[in-house]
Structures are given as structure tokens and as C-alpha cells.
Amino acid sequence: MNATVVKVSDFTTLPGARHREDGDGSADQFFEEYVLPELRKVLANKESKIIIDLDGTLGYASSFVSQLAVRIKDETHNKHTIKKRLIIKSDDDENQKERFWNEIKQK
């Protein structure tokens, strides 16, 4: 398996809220600058996956992970594709993985 790893900790150790206008370290900024370019490559290559590593931060604003899920789902338009092509890694806090996948199920 060919996998690309995108680490939140490479973006910030203090993930913020949903939108850029909400302040520094927003989920939208992380998605647009770090995830989206790699996600597009992965979607174009049927053999690859993307790993989003949520570890290495000092915690999360309650909306960061849910907004990240919303943006990924909006980009892929298909929750089944997300499940096949995306791995969420969070050894530090399993609840973050659950929050992400619950958001994917809801929308």
C-alpha cells in the first residue's frame, strides 16, 4: 500500500476552531493547505491512501476534527470512498477518531 501521511502537528500543536476567521490553526486552513493537495493525489491514484495523523498536539478545539471530516466529505462526495482511502490515526486520543467517523456517517 502506498500511503501519504499528513500530520496535524506539522501544521500546529494547538488546533483551533472550524474556520479561518475563528482564529489561528483552523480546520479549514489545515484542510486547504495540508490535506487537500494530498487528498487529490490519492483520489487520482486508485492504489494509494492518505493517513491523517492527529497525534502530537496539545488537544483539539471541539470543532476542528468535525470540520475536517465535513471538508473531506465535501471534497470526495462519497463516504464509502473516504472509508477505503483514508486512515485516521490518533493513538493519543481515540475519541478524535470516533468524532471524525461519526461526522462522516452523519453528513
N, C-alpha and C. Protein backbone atom coordinates (compact mmCIF):
# COMPACT_ATOMS: atom_id res chain seq x y z
N MET A 1 0.84 -1.18 0.00
CA MET A 1 0.00 0.00 0.00
C MET A 1 0.88 1.24 0.00
N ASN A 2 0.59 2.13 -0.89
CA ASN A 2 1.24 3.43 -0.95
C ASN A 2 0.40 4.40 -0.14
N ALA A 3 0.99 4.98 0.92
CA ALA A 3 0.23 5.89 1.78
C ALA A 3 0.98 7.19 2.01
N THR A 4 0.24 8.27 1.97
CA THR A 4 0.75 9.59 2.28
C THR A 4 0.31 9.94 3.69
N VAL A 5 1.24 10.42 4.51
CA VAL A 5 0.91 10.79 5.89
C VAL A 5 0.87 12.31 5.98
N VAL A 6 -0.22 12.81 6.53
CA VAL A 6 -0.37 14.24 6.79
C VAL A 6 -0.58 14.39 8.30
N LYS A 7 0.34 15.12 8.95
CA LYS A 7 0.30 15.27 10.40
C LYS A 7 -0.23 16.64 10.79
N VAL A 8 -1.21 16.64 11.68
CA VAL A 8 -1.70 17.91 12.21
C VAL A 8 -0.55 18.64 12.91
N SER A 9 0.31 17.89 13.60
CA SER A 9 1.41 18.51 14.34
C SER A 9 2.42 19.23 13.43
N ASP A 10 2.45 18.90 12.13
CA ASP A 10 3.28 19.65 11.19
C ASP A 10 2.66 21.01 10.89
N PHE A 11 1.37 21.12 11.11
CA PHE A 11 0.60 22.36 10.89
C PHE A 11 0.61 23.21 12.16
N THR A 12 0.26 22.60 13.28
CA THR A 12 0.21 23.31 14.56
C THR A 12 0.13 22.31 15.70
N THR A 13 0.57 22.71 16.88
CA THR A 13 0.36 21.89 18.06
C THR A 13 -0.88 22.34 18.83
N LEU A 14 -1.51 23.43 18.37
CA LEU A 14 -2.72 23.96 19.00
C LEU A 14 -3.83 24.11 17.96
N PRO A 15 -4.44 23.01 17.53
CA PRO A 15 -5.50 23.10 16.53
C PRO A 15 -6.65 23.98 17.04
N GLY A 16 -7.12 24.85 16.15
CA GLY A 16 -8.15 25.80 16.53
C GLY A 16 -9.55 25.36 16.16
N ALA A 17 -10.35 26.32 15.79
CA ALA A 17 -11.77 26.08 15.50
C ALA A 17 -11.97 25.70 14.03
N ARG A 18 -13.21 25.81 13.58
CA ARG A 18 -13.58 25.39 12.23
C ARG A 18 -12.98 26.26 11.12
N HIS A 19 -13.21 27.55 11.20
CA HIS A 19 -12.97 28.44 10.06
C HIS A 19 -11.79 29.38 10.30
N ARG A 20 -11.19 29.84 9.23
CA ARG A 20 -10.05 30.76 9.31
C ARG A 20 -10.39 32.00 10.13
N GLU A 21 -11.60 32.52 9.95
CA GLU A 21 -11.97 33.75 10.66
C GLU A 21 -12.14 33.52 12.16
N ASP A 22 -12.14 32.26 12.58
CA ASP A 22 -12.25 31.93 14.00
C ASP A 22 -10.89 32.03 14.72
N GLY A 23 -9.82 32.20 13.96
CA GLY A 23 -8.51 32.33 14.59
C GLY A 23 -7.47 31.39 13.99
N ASP A 24 -6.31 31.39 14.60
CA ASP A 24 -5.18 30.59 14.11
C ASP A 24 -5.45 29.10 14.22
N GLY A 25 -4.84 28.34 13.32
CA GLY A 25 -4.87 26.89 13.39
C GLY A 25 -6.22 26.27 13.07
N SER A 26 -6.98 26.90 12.19
CA SER A 26 -8.33 26.40 11.90
C SER A 26 -8.30 25.11 11.08
N ALA A 27 -9.38 24.37 11.20
CA ALA A 27 -9.54 23.14 10.41
C ALA A 27 -9.57 23.46 8.92
N ASP A 28 -10.21 24.56 8.55
CA ASP A 28 -10.25 24.93 7.13
C ASP A 28 -8.86 25.19 6.58
N GLN A 29 -8.04 25.88 7.34
CA GLN A 29 -6.67 26.16 6.89
C GLN A 29 -5.87 24.86 6.77
N PHE A 30 -5.97 23.99 7.76
CA PHE A 30 -5.27 22.71 7.70
C PHE A 30 -5.74 21.91 6.49
N PHE A 31 -7.04 21.83 6.28
CA PHE A 31 -7.57 21.09 5.15
C PHE A 31 -7.05 21.66 3.83
N GLU A 32 -7.18 22.96 3.65
CA GLU A 32 -6.81 23.59 2.37
C GLU A 32 -5.33 23.53 2.08
N GLU A 33 -4.49 23.71 3.08
CA GLU A 33 -3.05 23.80 2.86
C GLU A 33 -2.32 22.45 2.96
N TYR A 34 -2.82 21.54 3.77
CA TYR A 34 -2.12 20.28 4.00
C TYR A 34 -2.84 19.06 3.44
N VAL A 35 -4.13 18.97 3.71
CA VAL A 35 -4.87 17.76 3.34
C VAL A 35 -5.30 17.77 1.88
N LEU A 36 -5.89 18.83 1.41
CA LEU A 36 -6.48 18.87 0.07
C LEU A 36 -5.49 18.52 -1.04
N PRO A 37 -4.30 19.08 -1.07
CA PRO A 37 -3.38 18.71 -2.16
C PRO A 37 -3.05 17.21 -2.16
N GLU A 38 -2.86 16.64 -0.98
CA GLU A 38 -2.55 15.22 -0.88
C GLU A 38 -3.77 14.36 -1.16
N LEU A 39 -4.93 14.80 -0.71
CA LEU A 39 -6.17 14.06 -0.95
C LEU A 39 -6.45 13.96 -2.44
N ARG A 40 -6.25 15.03 -3.16
CA ARG A 40 -6.47 15.00 -4.61
C ARG A 40 -5.54 14.02 -5.29
N LYS A 41 -4.29 13.96 -4.86
CA LYS A 41 -3.35 12.99 -5.43
C LYS A 41 -3.80 11.56 -5.15
N VAL A 42 -4.23 11.32 -3.92
CA VAL A 42 -4.66 9.98 -3.52
C VAL A 42 -5.91 9.57 -4.30
N LEU A 43 -6.83 10.48 -4.48
CA LEU A 43 -8.05 10.15 -5.22
C LEU A 43 -7.76 9.87 -6.69
N ALA A 44 -6.71 10.48 -7.22
CA ALA A 44 -6.34 10.25 -8.61
C ALA A 44 -5.60 8.93 -8.81
N ASN A 45 -5.03 8.39 -7.74
CA ASN A 45 -4.28 7.15 -7.79
C ASN A 45 -5.03 6.08 -7.01
N LYS A 46 -5.67 5.17 -7.68
CA LYS A 46 -6.54 4.17 -7.05
C LYS A 46 -5.82 3.26 -6.06
N GLU A 47 -4.51 3.22 -6.10
CA GLU A 47 -3.75 2.31 -5.24
C GLU A 47 -3.27 2.97 -3.95
N SER A 48 -3.52 4.23 -3.75
CA SER A 48 -2.94 4.90 -2.60
C SER A 48 -3.98 5.29 -1.55
N LYS A 49 -3.47 5.62 -0.37
CA LYS A 49 -4.30 6.04 0.75
C LYS A 49 -3.66 7.27 1.38
N ILE A 50 -4.45 7.95 2.18
CA ILE A 50 -3.94 9.07 2.96
C ILE A 50 -4.17 8.76 4.43
N ILE A 51 -3.16 9.01 5.22
CA ILE A 51 -3.24 8.85 6.67
C ILE A 51 -3.20 10.25 7.27
N ILE A 52 -4.21 10.58 8.03
CA ILE A 52 -4.21 11.84 8.76
C ILE A 52 -3.89 11.52 10.20
N ASP A 53 -2.74 12.00 10.64
CA ASP A 53 -2.22 11.71 11.98
C ASP A 53 -2.60 12.86 12.92
N LEU A 54 -3.48 12.57 13.87
CA LEU A 54 -3.96 13.58 14.81
C LEU A 54 -3.10 13.67 16.07
N ASP A 55 -2.08 12.84 16.19
CA ASP A 55 -1.24 12.82 17.38
C ASP A 55 -0.26 13.99 17.41
N GLY A 56 0.26 14.25 18.61
CA GLY A 56 1.33 15.24 18.75
C GLY A 56 0.86 16.66 18.98
N THR A 57 -0.41 16.84 19.29
CA THR A 57 -0.91 18.19 19.59
C THR A 57 -1.19 18.30 21.09
N LEU A 58 -1.53 19.50 21.51
CA LEU A 58 -1.85 19.74 22.91
C LEU A 58 -3.36 19.64 23.16
N GLY A 59 -4.07 19.05 22.23
CA GLY A 59 -5.52 18.92 22.35
C GLY A 59 -6.19 19.53 21.13
N TYR A 60 -7.50 19.47 21.10
CA TYR A 60 -8.26 19.95 19.95
C TYR A 60 -9.42 20.82 20.37
N ALA A 61 -9.67 21.88 19.62
CA ALA A 61 -10.93 22.59 19.77
C ALA A 61 -12.03 21.63 19.36
N SER A 62 -13.17 21.73 19.95
CA SER A 62 -14.23 20.74 19.73
C SER A 62 -14.66 20.62 18.27
N SER A 63 -14.50 21.66 17.51
CA SER A 63 -14.99 21.64 16.13
C SER A 63 -13.93 21.32 15.08
N PHE A 64 -12.66 21.25 15.44
CA PHE A 64 -11.60 21.05 14.46
C PHE A 64 -11.77 19.74 13.69
N VAL A 65 -11.89 18.65 14.42
CA VAL A 65 -11.97 17.32 13.78
C VAL A 65 -13.28 17.17 13.00
N SER A 66 -14.37 17.68 13.54
CA SER A 66 -15.64 17.55 12.82
C SER A 66 -15.62 18.37 11.54
N GLN A 67 -15.03 19.56 11.56
CA GLN A 67 -14.93 20.36 10.34
C GLN A 67 -14.01 19.71 9.32
N LEU A 68 -12.95 19.10 9.78
CA LEU A 68 -12.05 18.38 8.88
C LEU A 68 -12.81 17.28 8.16
N ALA A 69 -13.63 16.55 8.89
CA ALA A 69 -14.44 15.49 8.29
C ALA A 69 -15.42 16.06 7.26
N VAL A 70 -16.06 17.16 7.59
CA VAL A 70 -17.00 17.80 6.66
C VAL A 70 -16.30 18.20 5.37
N ARG A 71 -15.14 18.81 5.49
CA ARG A 71 -14.41 19.26 4.30
C ARG A 71 -13.96 18.08 3.45
N ILE A 72 -13.51 17.00 4.07
CA ILE A 72 -13.09 15.81 3.32
C ILE A 72 -14.29 15.19 2.62
N LYS A 73 -15.38 15.09 3.31
CA LYS A 73 -16.58 14.51 2.69
C LYS A 73 -17.08 15.38 1.54
N ASP A 74 -17.05 16.69 1.71
CA ASP A 74 -17.46 17.59 0.63
C ASP A 74 -16.57 17.43 -0.60
N GLU A 75 -15.30 17.18 -0.38
CA GLU A 75 -14.36 17.03 -1.50
C GLU A 75 -14.54 15.70 -2.21
N THR A 76 -14.78 14.63 -1.47
CA THR A 76 -14.86 13.31 -2.08
C THR A 76 -16.27 12.96 -2.54
N HIS A 77 -17.27 13.56 -1.91
CA HIS A 77 -18.69 13.34 -2.25
C HIS A 77 -19.14 11.91 -2.00
N ASN A 78 -18.37 11.13 -1.25
CA ASN A 78 -18.74 9.74 -1.09
C ASN A 78 -18.11 9.17 0.18
N LYS A 79 -18.93 8.83 1.17
CA LYS A 79 -18.37 8.32 2.43
C LYS A 79 -17.72 6.95 2.27
N HIS A 80 -18.14 6.19 1.27
CA HIS A 80 -17.52 4.88 1.04
C HIS A 80 -16.10 5.04 0.52
N THR A 81 -15.88 6.01 -0.34
CA THR A 81 -14.54 6.31 -0.82
C THR A 81 -13.64 6.73 0.33
N ILE A 82 -14.18 7.55 1.22
CA ILE A 82 -13.40 8.01 2.37
C ILE A 82 -12.95 6.81 3.20
N LYS A 83 -13.85 5.90 3.46
CA LYS A 83 -13.50 4.74 4.29
C LYS A 83 -12.44 3.86 3.64
N LYS A 84 -12.46 3.77 2.31
CA LYS A 84 -11.48 2.95 1.60
C LYS A 84 -10.12 3.62 1.48
N ARG A 85 -10.11 4.95 1.38
CA ARG A 85 -8.88 5.65 1.01
C ARG A 85 -8.24 6.44 2.14
N LEU A 86 -8.91 6.51 3.30
CA LEU A 86 -8.45 7.37 4.38
C LEU A 86 -8.28 6.59 5.67
N ILE A 87 -7.18 6.85 6.35
CA ILE A 87 -6.93 6.29 7.68
C ILE A 87 -6.75 7.46 8.63
N ILE A 88 -7.49 7.43 9.72
CA ILE A 88 -7.33 8.44 10.77
C ILE A 88 -6.53 7.80 11.89
N LYS A 89 -5.40 8.40 12.22
CA LYS A 89 -4.53 7.88 13.29
C LYS A 89 -4.63 8.81 14.49
N SER A 90 -4.94 8.24 15.63
CA SER A 90 -4.96 9.01 16.87
C SER A 90 -4.70 8.08 18.04
N ASP A 91 -3.44 7.80 18.29
CA ASP A 91 -3.07 6.97 19.43
C ASP A 91 -3.21 7.75 20.73
N ASP A 92 -3.05 9.07 20.66
CA ASP A 92 -3.14 9.92 21.86
C ASP A 92 -4.56 10.02 22.39
N ASP A 93 -5.55 10.01 21.51
CA ASP A 93 -6.94 10.22 21.93
C ASP A 93 -7.89 9.54 20.94
N GLU A 94 -8.29 8.33 21.26
CA GLU A 94 -9.18 7.55 20.39
C GLU A 94 -10.49 8.28 20.11
N ASN A 95 -10.93 9.14 21.02
CA ASN A 95 -12.18 9.88 20.83
C ASN A 95 -12.14 10.75 19.57
N GLN A 96 -10.96 11.21 19.19
CA GLN A 96 -10.85 12.04 17.99
C GLN A 96 -11.18 11.22 16.74
N LYS A 97 -10.72 9.98 16.70
CA LYS A 97 -11.07 9.11 15.58
C LYS A 97 -12.57 8.88 15.53
N GLU A 98 -13.17 8.62 16.67
CA GLU A 98 -14.62 8.40 16.73
C GLU A 98 -15.37 9.64 16.27
N ARG A 99 -14.92 10.81 16.72
CA ARG A 99 -15.56 12.07 16.33
C ARG A 99 -15.51 12.23 14.81
N PHE A 100 -14.36 11.95 14.22
CA PHE A 100 -14.22 12.07 12.77
C PHE A 100 -15.20 11.14 12.05
N TRP A 101 -15.18 9.85 12.39
CA TRP A 101 -16.02 8.88 11.67
C TRP A 101 -17.50 9.09 11.95
N ASN A 102 -17.86 9.57 13.13
CA ASN A 102 -19.27 9.90 13.40
C ASN A 102 -19.74 11.04 12.51
N GLU A 103 -18.87 12.00 12.29
CA GLU A 103 -19.21 13.12 11.42
C GLU A 103 -19.40 12.64 9.97
N ILE A 104 -18.56 11.73 9.54
CA ILE A 104 -18.69 11.18 8.18
C ILE A 104 -20.03 10.47 8.04
N LYS A 105 -20.43 9.72 9.04
CA LYS A 105 -21.72 8.99 8.99
C LYS A 105 -22.91 9.93 8.93
N GLN A 106 -22.82 11.05 9.63
CA GLN A 106 -23.97 11.97 9.76
C GLN A 106 -24.27 12.76 8.51
N LYS A 107 -23.28 13.17 7.81
CA LYS A 107 -23.50 14.10 6.69
C LYS A 107 -23.87 13.40 5.42
